[in-house]
Amino acid sequence: MLLSLRKVTLVCGVVAESRCTLKMSSPYFAVKDSSVLRTRGGLVKPRSLSVLKSRMAWSVKTPDSDSVGIKEEKEEQSITSHKTLAAHGSRAEQVSNTSEVCKQNNKTVPEIHNVTASSSKPRRAQVKVEYELENGAAVKQESNWEPTNWTQQLANIREMRSVRDAPVDQMGAAKCFDTQVSAEVIRYQVLISLMLSSQTKDQVTAAAMQRLRAHGLTVAAILNTDDDTLGKLIYPVGFWRTKVKYIKQSTAMIQQEYSGDIPNSVAGLMRLPGVGPKMAHLAMHIAWNQISGIGVDTHVHRISNRLGWTPTTTKNPEETRRALEDWLPRELWSEINWLLVGFGQQVCLPVGPLCASCLNRHCCPSAFKCSPRKRPTASDPRSPEKSSSQGKVKASKSPPKPKIKEEQNPASPPALDNKCQSSPAHQSTGHCSMKEEPQTGPLSPRVLRKRSKI
């Protein structure tokens, strides 16, 4: 029986080998093809090994893309997507309806992010950003900042400045020009007075302008004046040497580039040497009667920070000007300079402000607070510490000792020490060579120790 089975397997192997046309090109099969396979029945010829290889090659099949496993995965994905759409269908319709209503009413369209149902993490709070639709473009709407109680503070300053008796009202740049000359000369004189007023009191500026007008304050007259004469005319304004140079250079530019008249724009005025933003905006207001901005000097800068009219503490007048122009109505720009300058000259002084007589003492955040850098001395009548220091004697200091005057020819010589009386100089002359001391109370141990060392 076993012999017959072996014969059948050999015959089948021969037939299969004859039909097989597959060639194994792998190096693994090429090396092992000539080897002898050991089985239970014994050794098998190399030809039977090739038959087994051919059977293995026929049994292996490449997986198809439309196999059952892949189909099941695709079906599961489609089912999941259908469920997600069904769950969020109502919400998507609600969002679309809301967006259409907002577009019709020209209102803010809220931005909503879709979150899948499979996400397990909690949603983070969304930040709402409001926009305005202008000409089809989305523009961010920013809320304007305004200081608290600024209307009441401004009304109080107007009431305190109603008399208009401050130096700026009588000797400011708007009062220093000659009214009997042409409009071009008036505008030039306004510019010169603004250039001289920098870092200078109004009284000194007005006196210098009177001397210049007597000499001849026109473009041609200043160009024909040498630097030494011009310096003597404007002395003692602040930085008078530098201002002489700036006045000559600016006058030459006005004559060459602007035909003898000052520029009629802020950019043109700032091109002139020695002219800054404050002078340019004030010149546009006084000379050209145009409101281009707020003229901010040291008084406006100081008072705006004291009243809290800036979002943060500004470091220079230019930052103060930008902060004021951001929230202050434009119709008030023309009066802010002369209001605050006169208020700063009379009440809100740089050092020791008169807060007790100010109407804003109840609504000013800086009321009754002296300047941290420049505090008034104790002898200053505006010092808040003078009243508290008078009539009080510090406990740490002892009262001054009365001074005893020595007589030139005393009737009776002062008592001498025993040491001095026993000295030979005293016995011979009757006078002590040591320094005489007036009679006082008992000496302290410290004084006695010092004298013992001598």
Protein backbone atom coordinates (compact mmCIF):
# COMPACT_ATOMS: atom_id res chain seq x y z
CA MET A 1 0.00 0.00 0.00
CA LEU A 2 2.76 2.39 0.86
CA LEU A 3 4.60 1.61 -2.37
CA SER A 4 1.52 2.37 -4.42
CA LEU A 5 1.05 5.75 -2.66
CA ARG A 6 4.67 6.70 -3.35
CA LYS A 7 4.30 5.88 -6.99
CA VAL A 8 1.16 7.98 -7.24
CA THR A 9 2.82 11.03 -5.65
CA LEU A 10 5.81 10.70 -7.94
CA VAL A 11 3.61 10.50 -11.00
CA CYS A 12 1.59 13.53 -9.88
CA GLY A 13 4.75 15.46 -9.24
CA VAL A 14 6.07 14.73 -12.72
CA VAL A 15 2.82 15.87 -14.33
CA ALA A 16 2.68 19.05 -12.26
CA GLU A 17 6.29 19.80 -13.06
CA SER A 18 5.63 19.48 -16.75
CA ARG A 19 2.66 21.86 -16.59
CA CYS A 20 4.38 24.46 -14.39
CA THR A 21 5.94 27.30 -16.37
CA LEU A 22 6.66 29.63 -13.41
CA LYS A 23 10.30 30.40 -12.82
CA MET A 24 11.53 31.51 -9.40
CA SER A 25 13.94 34.34 -9.82
CA SER A 26 14.57 34.92 -6.09
CA PRO A 27 18.11 34.20 -4.89
CA TYR A 28 16.68 32.25 -2.01
CA PHE A 29 15.08 29.67 -4.27
CA ALA A 30 18.06 29.65 -6.62
CA VAL A 31 20.42 28.58 -3.79
CA LYS A 32 18.11 26.06 -2.23
CA ASP A 33 16.92 24.52 -5.56
CA SER A 34 19.78 22.05 -5.78
CA SER A 35 19.55 20.97 -2.16
CA VAL A 36 17.96 17.69 -1.05
CA LEU A 37 14.76 17.85 1.00
CA ARG A 38 14.57 15.31 3.85
CA THR A 39 11.10 13.93 4.61
CA ARG A 40 9.71 11.05 6.67
CA GLY A 41 9.87 8.72 3.69
CA GLY A 42 13.48 9.59 2.99
CA LEU A 43 15.23 11.81 0.55
CA VAL A 44 13.30 13.57 -2.19
CA LYS A 45 14.80 14.48 -5.51
CA PRO A 46 15.45 18.13 -6.39
CA ARG A 47 12.74 17.89 -9.00
CA SER A 48 10.07 17.36 -6.34
CA LEU A 49 11.29 20.52 -4.49
CA SER A 50 10.60 22.65 -7.54
CA VAL A 51 7.12 21.15 -7.64
CA LEU A 52 6.44 22.34 -4.09
CA LYS A 53 7.68 25.82 -4.98
CA SER A 54 5.32 25.99 -7.92
CA ARG A 55 2.39 24.96 -5.71
CA MET A 56 3.23 27.67 -3.19
CA ALA A 57 3.41 30.30 -5.96
CA TRP A 58 -0.02 29.32 -7.28
CA SER A 59 -1.60 29.38 -3.85
CA VAL A 60 -0.45 32.99 -3.08
CA LYS A 61 -2.79 35.69 -4.50
CA THR A 62 -2.45 39.48 -4.50
CA PRO A 63 -5.07 41.24 -2.34
CA ASP A 64 -7.75 43.04 -4.26
CA SER A 65 -8.60 46.71 -3.46
CA ASP A 66 -12.28 45.84 -3.23
CA SER A 67 -11.80 43.11 -0.70
CA VAL A 68 -14.28 42.47 2.05
CA GLY A 69 -12.21 44.16 4.82
CA ILE A 70 -11.74 47.40 2.93
CA LYS A 71 -15.40 47.45 2.01
CA GLU A 72 -16.36 47.11 5.65
CA GLU A 73 -14.12 50.01 6.66
CA LYS A 74 -15.60 52.23 3.93
CA GLU A 75 -19.08 51.37 5.03
CA GLU A 76 -18.27 52.22 8.65
CA GLN A 77 -16.82 55.60 7.63
CA SER A 78 -19.85 56.46 5.53
CA ILE A 79 -22.18 55.56 8.39
CA THR A 80 -20.21 57.75 10.83
CA SER A 81 -20.25 60.74 8.47
CA HIS A 82 -24.00 60.38 7.95
CA LYS A 83 -24.55 60.40 11.70
CA THR A 84 -22.38 63.53 12.15
CA LEU A 85 -24.22 65.40 9.42
CA ALA A 86 -27.55 64.42 10.86
CA ALA A 87 -26.51 65.61 14.34
CA HIS A 88 -25.21 69.02 13.16
CA GLY A 89 -27.69 69.66 10.40
CA SER A 90 -29.97 71.75 12.55
CA ARG A 91 -27.07 73.84 13.88
CA ALA A 92 -25.72 74.57 10.40
CA GLU A 93 -29.17 75.74 9.31
CA GLN A 94 -29.33 77.99 12.37
CA VAL A 95 -25.91 79.52 11.59
CA SER A 96 -26.83 80.16 7.97
CA ASN A 97 -30.10 81.81 8.99
CA THR A 98 -28.29 84.01 11.52
CA SER A 99 -25.66 85.11 8.98
CA GLU A 100 -28.35 86.04 6.45
CA VAL A 101 -30.22 88.14 9.01
CA CYS A 102 -27.03 89.91 10.08
CA LYS A 103 -26.10 90.69 6.48
CA GLN A 104 -29.54 92.19 5.85
CA ASN A 105 -29.34 94.37 8.99
CA ASN A 106 -25.65 95.31 8.36
CA LYS A 107 -24.64 94.02 11.78
CA THR A 108 -21.84 91.96 13.20
CA VAL A 109 -21.61 88.41 11.91
CA PRO A 110 -20.51 86.09 14.73
CA GLU A 111 -17.83 83.62 13.84
CA ILE A 112 -18.75 80.01 14.84
CA HIS A 113 -16.35 77.10 14.67
CA ASN A 114 -17.78 73.62 14.02
CA VAL A 115 -16.68 70.99 16.49
CA THR A 116 -17.04 67.31 15.61
CA ALA A 117 -19.10 65.10 17.86
CA SER A 118 -16.21 62.66 18.28
CA SER A 119 -13.95 65.24 20.00
CA SER A 120 -13.70 64.49 23.69
CA LYS A 121 -11.89 67.73 24.73
CA PRO A 122 -14.04 70.57 26.10
CA ARG A 123 -14.44 73.58 23.86
CA ARG A 124 -12.55 76.75 24.78
CA ALA A 125 -14.34 80.04 25.24
CA GLN A 126 -14.53 82.03 22.00
CA VAL A 127 -13.40 85.66 21.83
CA LYS A 128 -15.98 87.92 20.24
CA VAL A 129 -14.61 90.52 17.85
CA GLU A 130 -17.00 93.10 16.53
CA TYR A 131 -16.60 94.54 13.06
CA GLU A 132 -18.33 97.13 10.97
CA LEU A 133 -19.13 96.65 7.31
CA GLU A 134 -18.01 99.64 5.27
CA ASN A 135 -18.22 99.42 1.47
CA GLY A 136 -18.17 95.64 1.64
CA ALA A 137 -14.96 95.53 3.72
CA ALA A 138 -14.77 94.43 7.36
CA VAL A 139 -13.26 97.12 9.57
CA LYS A 140 -12.60 96.62 13.26
CA GLN A 141 -14.64 98.89 15.51
CA GLU A 142 -12.59 100.40 18.34
CA SER A 143 -14.22 102.10 21.29
CA ASN A 144 -12.90 105.64 21.97
CA TRP A 145 -11.37 106.18 25.42
CA GLU A 146 -12.51 109.18 27.43
CA PRO A 147 -11.36 110.34 30.88
CA THR A 148 -13.84 110.49 33.70
CA ASN A 149 -15.31 113.88 34.72
CA TRP A 150 -13.48 115.68 31.94
CA THR A 151 -16.52 117.83 31.06
CA GLN A 152 -16.83 119.05 34.66
CA GLN A 153 -13.09 119.70 34.88
CA LEU A 154 -13.15 121.69 31.61
CA ALA A 155 -16.14 123.74 32.80
CA ASN A 156 -14.32 124.59 36.04
CA ILE A 157 -11.20 125.67 34.14
CA ARG A 158 -13.31 127.90 31.90
CA GLU A 159 -14.83 129.53 34.96
CA MET A 160 -11.40 130.12 36.51
CA ARG A 161 -10.09 131.54 33.21
CA SER A 162 -13.08 133.76 32.52
CA VAL A 163 -11.22 136.93 33.59
CA ARG A 164 -8.35 136.28 31.14
CA ASP A 165 -5.71 138.06 33.18
CA ALA A 166 -2.90 135.52 32.78
CA PRO A 167 0.39 136.53 31.10
CA VAL A 168 -0.47 134.48 28.01
CA ASP A 169 -3.65 136.53 27.55
CA GLN A 170 -1.78 139.85 27.54
CA MET A 171 1.68 139.01 26.19
CA GLY A 172 1.22 135.77 24.25
CA ALA A 173 1.98 135.14 20.59
CA ALA A 174 -1.48 136.40 19.63
CA LYS A 175 -0.73 139.82 21.18
CA CYS A 176 2.85 140.51 20.07
CA PHE A 177 2.43 141.38 16.40
CA ASP A 178 1.88 144.79 14.83
CA THR A 179 -1.66 145.33 13.63
CA GLN A 180 -0.72 148.23 11.32
CA VAL A 181 1.30 146.18 8.82
CA SER A 182 0.32 143.85 5.98
CA ALA A 183 -1.02 140.32 6.48
CA GLU A 184 2.23 138.73 5.32
CA VAL A 185 4.26 140.69 7.88
CA ILE A 186 1.74 139.84 10.63
CA ARG A 187 2.09 136.13 9.89
CA TYR A 188 5.88 136.44 9.91
CA GLN A 189 5.83 138.27 13.27
CA VAL A 190 3.56 135.57 14.74
CA LEU A 191 6.06 132.90 13.68
CA ILE A 192 9.00 134.83 15.18
CA SER A 193 7.16 135.32 18.49
CA LEU A 194 6.43 131.58 18.67
CA MET A 195 10.09 130.77 18.02
CA LEU A 196 11.18 133.15 20.80
CA SER A 197 8.61 131.83 23.30
CA SER A 198 10.22 128.40 23.56
CA GLN A 199 11.67 127.90 27.08
CA THR A 200 10.99 131.59 27.80
CA LYS A 201 8.45 133.45 29.91
CA ASP A 202 5.86 135.58 28.15
CA GLN A 203 7.15 138.78 29.75
CA VAL A 204 10.64 138.25 28.29
CA THR A 205 9.23 137.30 24.88
CA ALA A 206 7.01 140.39 24.74
CA ALA A 207 9.96 142.67 25.58
CA ALA A 208 12.12 141.09 22.87
CA MET A 209 9.30 141.46 20.33
CA GLN A 210 8.98 145.17 21.14
CA ARG A 211 12.69 145.69 20.47
CA LEU A 212 12.49 143.73 17.20
CA ARG A 213 9.45 145.70 16.02
CA ALA A 214 11.23 148.96 16.77
CA HIS A 215 14.23 147.77 14.77
CA GLY A 216 12.08 146.47 11.91
CA LEU A 217 10.56 143.00 12.06
CA THR A 218 10.20 142.04 8.42
CA VAL A 219 11.81 139.41 6.24
CA ALA A 220 14.07 141.92 4.48
CA ALA A 221 15.05 143.69 7.72
CA ILE A 222 16.03 140.47 9.50
CA LEU A 223 18.10 139.30 6.51
CA ASN A 224 20.00 142.60 6.53
CA THR A 225 20.69 142.38 10.31
CA ASP A 226 23.91 140.73 11.45
CA ASP A 227 23.94 138.02 14.10
CA ASP A 228 25.45 140.17 16.86
CA THR A 229 22.78 142.87 16.53
CA LEU A 230 20.01 140.31 16.36
CA GLY A 231 21.36 138.58 19.46
CA LYS A 232 21.36 141.86 21.40
CA LEU A 233 17.78 142.52 20.35
CA ILE A 234 16.36 139.20 21.52
CA TYR A 235 18.53 138.79 24.65
CA PRO A 236 17.74 137.42 27.31
CA VAL A 237 15.34 134.85 25.83
CA GLY A 238 16.20 131.22 26.46
CA PHE A 239 18.89 129.78 24.13
CA TRP A 240 19.18 133.14 22.36
CA ARG A 241 22.34 132.19 20.44
CA THR A 242 20.67 129.13 18.92
CA LYS A 243 17.51 131.11 18.15
CA VAL A 244 19.54 133.75 16.29
CA LYS A 245 20.81 131.04 13.96
CA TYR A 246 17.34 129.48 13.50
CA ILE A 247 15.69 132.85 12.81
CA LYS A 248 18.21 133.75 10.11
CA GLN A 249 17.93 130.30 8.43
CA SER A 250 14.13 130.24 8.55
CA THR A 251 13.87 133.78 7.20
CA ALA A 252 16.15 132.88 4.28
CA MET A 253 13.97 129.83 3.45
CA ILE A 254 10.80 131.94 3.63
CA GLN A 255 12.31 134.46 1.22
CA GLN A 256 13.63 131.89 -1.26
CA GLU A 257 11.01 129.13 -1.24
CA TYR A 258 7.79 130.86 -0.11
CA SER A 259 8.14 134.35 -1.64
CA GLY A 260 8.38 136.16 1.68
CA ASP A 261 5.33 134.57 3.35
CA ILE A 262 5.30 131.74 5.89
CA PRO A 263 4.09 128.27 4.75
CA ASN A 264 0.36 127.57 5.01
CA SER A 265 0.67 123.93 6.11
CA VAL A 266 1.99 122.08 9.13
CA ALA A 267 4.46 120.10 7.02
CA GLY A 268 5.82 123.28 5.43
CA LEU A 269 6.17 125.05 8.78
CA MET A 270 8.00 122.12 10.34
CA ARG A 271 10.54 122.25 7.52
CA LEU A 272 11.78 125.56 8.92
CA PRO A 273 14.70 125.27 11.37
CA GLY A 274 13.64 125.66 14.99
CA VAL A 275 9.90 125.09 14.37
CA GLY A 276 8.28 122.09 16.06
CA PRO A 277 4.75 120.63 16.13
CA LYS A 278 3.51 123.02 18.85
CA MET A 279 4.68 126.12 16.96
CA ALA A 280 3.32 124.79 13.67
CA HIS A 281 -0.20 124.14 15.01
CA LEU A 282 -0.32 127.48 16.86
CA ALA A 283 0.91 129.33 13.76
CA MET A 284 -1.79 127.68 11.66
CA HIS A 285 -4.40 128.80 14.21
CA ILE A 286 -3.20 132.38 14.86
CA ALA A 287 -1.71 133.29 11.47
CA TRP A 288 -3.88 131.30 9.03
CA ASN A 289 -7.01 130.84 11.20
CA GLN A 290 -7.00 127.06 10.60
CA ILE A 291 -7.32 124.37 13.27
CA SER A 292 -4.83 121.67 12.35
CA GLY A 293 -4.12 120.26 15.82
CA ILE A 294 -3.63 121.04 19.48
CA GLY A 295 -0.62 123.13 20.45
CA VAL A 296 0.86 121.34 23.48
CA ASP A 297 3.57 123.05 25.50
CA THR A 298 4.92 122.29 28.95
CA HIS A 299 1.80 123.64 30.71
CA VAL A 300 -0.65 121.61 28.63
CA HIS A 301 1.55 118.54 28.98
CA ARG A 302 1.76 118.86 32.77
CA ILE A 303 -1.92 119.65 33.40
CA SER A 304 -3.20 116.91 31.09
CA ASN A 305 -1.26 114.30 33.05
CA ARG A 306 -2.39 115.74 36.38
CA LEU A 307 -6.05 115.70 35.38
CA GLY A 308 -5.79 112.19 33.93
CA TRP A 309 -6.64 113.27 30.39
CA THR A 310 -4.25 110.70 28.92
CA PRO A 311 -4.71 106.90 29.10
CA THR A 312 -1.17 106.53 30.45
CA THR A 313 1.43 108.97 31.71
CA THR A 314 3.03 110.59 28.68
CA LYS A 315 6.72 111.43 28.54
CA ASN A 316 6.77 114.43 26.21
CA PRO A 317 4.36 117.03 24.77
CA GLU A 318 4.11 115.24 21.42
CA GLU A 319 2.74 112.08 23.06
CA THR A 320 0.29 114.25 25.00
CA ARG A 321 -0.90 115.88 21.78
CA ARG A 322 -1.65 112.53 20.16
CA ALA A 323 -3.45 111.30 23.27
CA LEU A 324 -5.63 114.42 23.47
CA GLU A 325 -6.50 114.43 19.78
CA ASP A 326 -7.66 110.80 20.02
CA TRP A 327 -10.62 111.53 22.30
CA LEU A 328 -11.13 115.29 22.59
CA PRO A 329 -13.79 116.67 20.19
CA ARG A 330 -12.30 118.68 17.34
CA GLU A 331 -14.40 121.78 18.09
CA LEU A 332 -12.54 122.12 21.42
CA TRP A 333 -9.01 122.00 19.99
CA SER A 334 -8.80 125.77 19.46
CA GLU A 335 -9.32 126.74 23.12
CA ILE A 336 -7.40 124.00 24.92
CA ASN A 337 -4.02 125.70 24.58
CA TRP A 338 -4.86 129.15 25.95
CA LEU A 339 -7.14 127.66 28.63
CA LEU A 340 -4.55 125.28 30.06
CA VAL A 341 -1.57 127.62 29.61
CA GLY A 342 -3.20 130.40 31.60
CA PHE A 343 -4.49 127.90 34.15
CA GLY A 344 -0.95 126.56 34.55
CA GLN A 345 0.49 130.07 34.98
CA GLN A 346 -1.93 131.08 37.73
CA VAL A 347 -3.29 128.03 39.58
CA CYS A 348 -1.79 124.68 38.52
CA LEU A 349 1.81 125.77 38.97
CA PRO A 350 4.73 123.45 38.18
CA VAL A 351 5.89 123.45 41.83
CA GLY A 352 3.44 123.88 44.69
CA PRO A 353 0.13 124.10 42.79
CA LEU A 354 -2.62 126.10 44.47
CA CYS A 355 -5.00 123.21 44.89
CA ALA A 356 -6.88 124.89 47.76
CA SER A 357 -8.12 127.64 45.42
CA CYS A 358 -8.79 125.32 42.45
CA LEU A 359 -12.36 124.35 41.57
CA ASN A 360 -11.17 120.92 40.48
CA ARG A 361 -9.79 119.97 43.89
CA HIS A 362 -12.63 117.47 44.43
CA CYS A 363 -12.41 115.77 41.01
CA CYS A 364 -8.69 116.03 40.21
CA PRO A 365 -6.70 112.84 40.86
CA SER A 366 -3.56 114.89 41.60
CA ALA A 367 -5.10 117.37 44.04
CA PHE A 368 -2.96 118.32 47.06
CA LYS A 369 -0.01 116.35 45.72
CA CYS A 370 3.22 118.24 45.16
CA SER A 371 5.57 117.45 42.34
CA PRO A 372 7.65 114.40 43.31
CA ARG A 373 10.85 115.79 41.81
CA LYS A 374 10.62 119.48 42.68
CA ARG A 375 9.17 119.85 46.13
CA PRO A 376 9.01 123.38 47.60
CA THR A 377 11.36 124.20 50.41
CA ALA A 378 10.19 124.75 53.98
CA SER A 379 10.73 128.51 53.66
CA ASP A 380 8.44 128.72 50.62
CA PRO A 381 5.03 130.17 51.64
CA ARG A 382 3.36 127.66 49.28
CA SER A 383 4.94 124.71 51.05
CA PRO A 384 2.37 122.48 52.79
CA GLU A 385 4.90 121.67 55.52
CA LYS A 386 5.45 125.24 56.67
CA SER A 387 2.35 125.45 58.88
CA SER A 388 3.10 122.14 60.54
CA SER A 389 6.76 122.99 61.16
CA GLN A 390 6.10 126.39 62.78
CA GLY A 391 5.80 126.52 66.57
CA LYS A 392 7.25 123.04 67.02
CA VAL A 393 10.67 122.12 68.33
CA LYS A 394 12.13 118.80 67.43
CA ALA A 395 12.60 116.52 70.42
CA SER A 396 15.86 115.10 69.14
CA LYS A 397 17.66 118.44 69.37
CA SER A 398 18.38 119.97 72.80
CA PRO A 399 17.70 123.69 73.35
CA PRO A 400 20.69 125.90 72.54
CA LYS A 401 22.96 126.76 75.46
CA PRO A 402 23.35 130.40 76.36
CA LYS A 403 26.68 131.86 75.34
CA ILE A 404 28.81 133.36 78.10
CA LYS A 405 30.81 136.33 77.03
CA GLU A 406 34.23 136.75 78.58
CA GLU A 407 35.04 140.15 79.97
CA GLN A 408 38.27 141.72 78.80
CA ASN A 409 39.22 143.01 82.26
CA PRO A 410 37.31 140.98 84.78
CA ALA A 411 37.11 142.40 88.26
CA SER A 412 37.77 139.07 89.85
CA PRO A 413 39.60 136.33 87.90
CA PRO A 414 37.72 133.08 87.46
CA ALA A 415 38.40 130.23 89.81
CA LEU A 416 41.29 128.09 88.77
CA ASP A 417 41.77 124.38 89.08
CA ASN A 418 43.99 122.94 91.74
CA LYS A 419 46.32 121.67 89.07
CA CYS A 420 46.70 125.14 87.68
CA GLN A 421 47.26 126.70 91.14
CA SER A 422 50.00 124.24 91.94
CA SER A 423 51.84 124.86 88.71
CA PRO A 424 55.11 126.87 88.94
CA ALA A 425 53.96 129.33 86.29
CA HIS A 426 51.00 130.29 88.42
CA GLN A 427 53.07 130.61 91.56
CA SER A 428 55.53 132.93 89.86
CA THR A 429 53.21 135.09 87.72
CA GLY A 430 49.88 134.54 89.32
CA HIS A 431 48.39 133.57 85.93
CA CYS A 432 47.57 130.15 84.57
CA SER A 433 49.13 129.09 81.30
CA MET A 434 46.21 126.76 80.53
CA LYS A 435 43.00 127.93 78.86
CA GLU A 436 40.59 129.40 81.34
CA GLU A 437 37.01 128.12 81.36
CA PRO A 438 33.94 129.82 82.71
CA GLN A 439 32.22 128.53 85.78
CA THR A 440 29.72 125.85 84.93
CA GLY A 441 28.01 123.01 86.68
CA PRO A 442 29.66 119.77 87.71
CA LEU A 443 31.71 118.22 84.95
CA SER A 444 30.60 114.99 83.38
CA PRO A 445 32.69 111.82 83.68
CA ARG A 446 33.51 111.98 79.98
CA VAL A 447 35.05 115.45 80.34
CA LEU A 448 36.96 114.34 83.40
CA ARG A 449 38.47 111.37 81.53
CA LYS A 450 39.57 113.64 78.69
CA ARG A 451 41.21 116.04 81.10
CA SER A 452 42.94 113.23 82.92
CA LYS A 453 44.57 112.18 79.65
CA ILE A 454 45.91 115.69 79.13
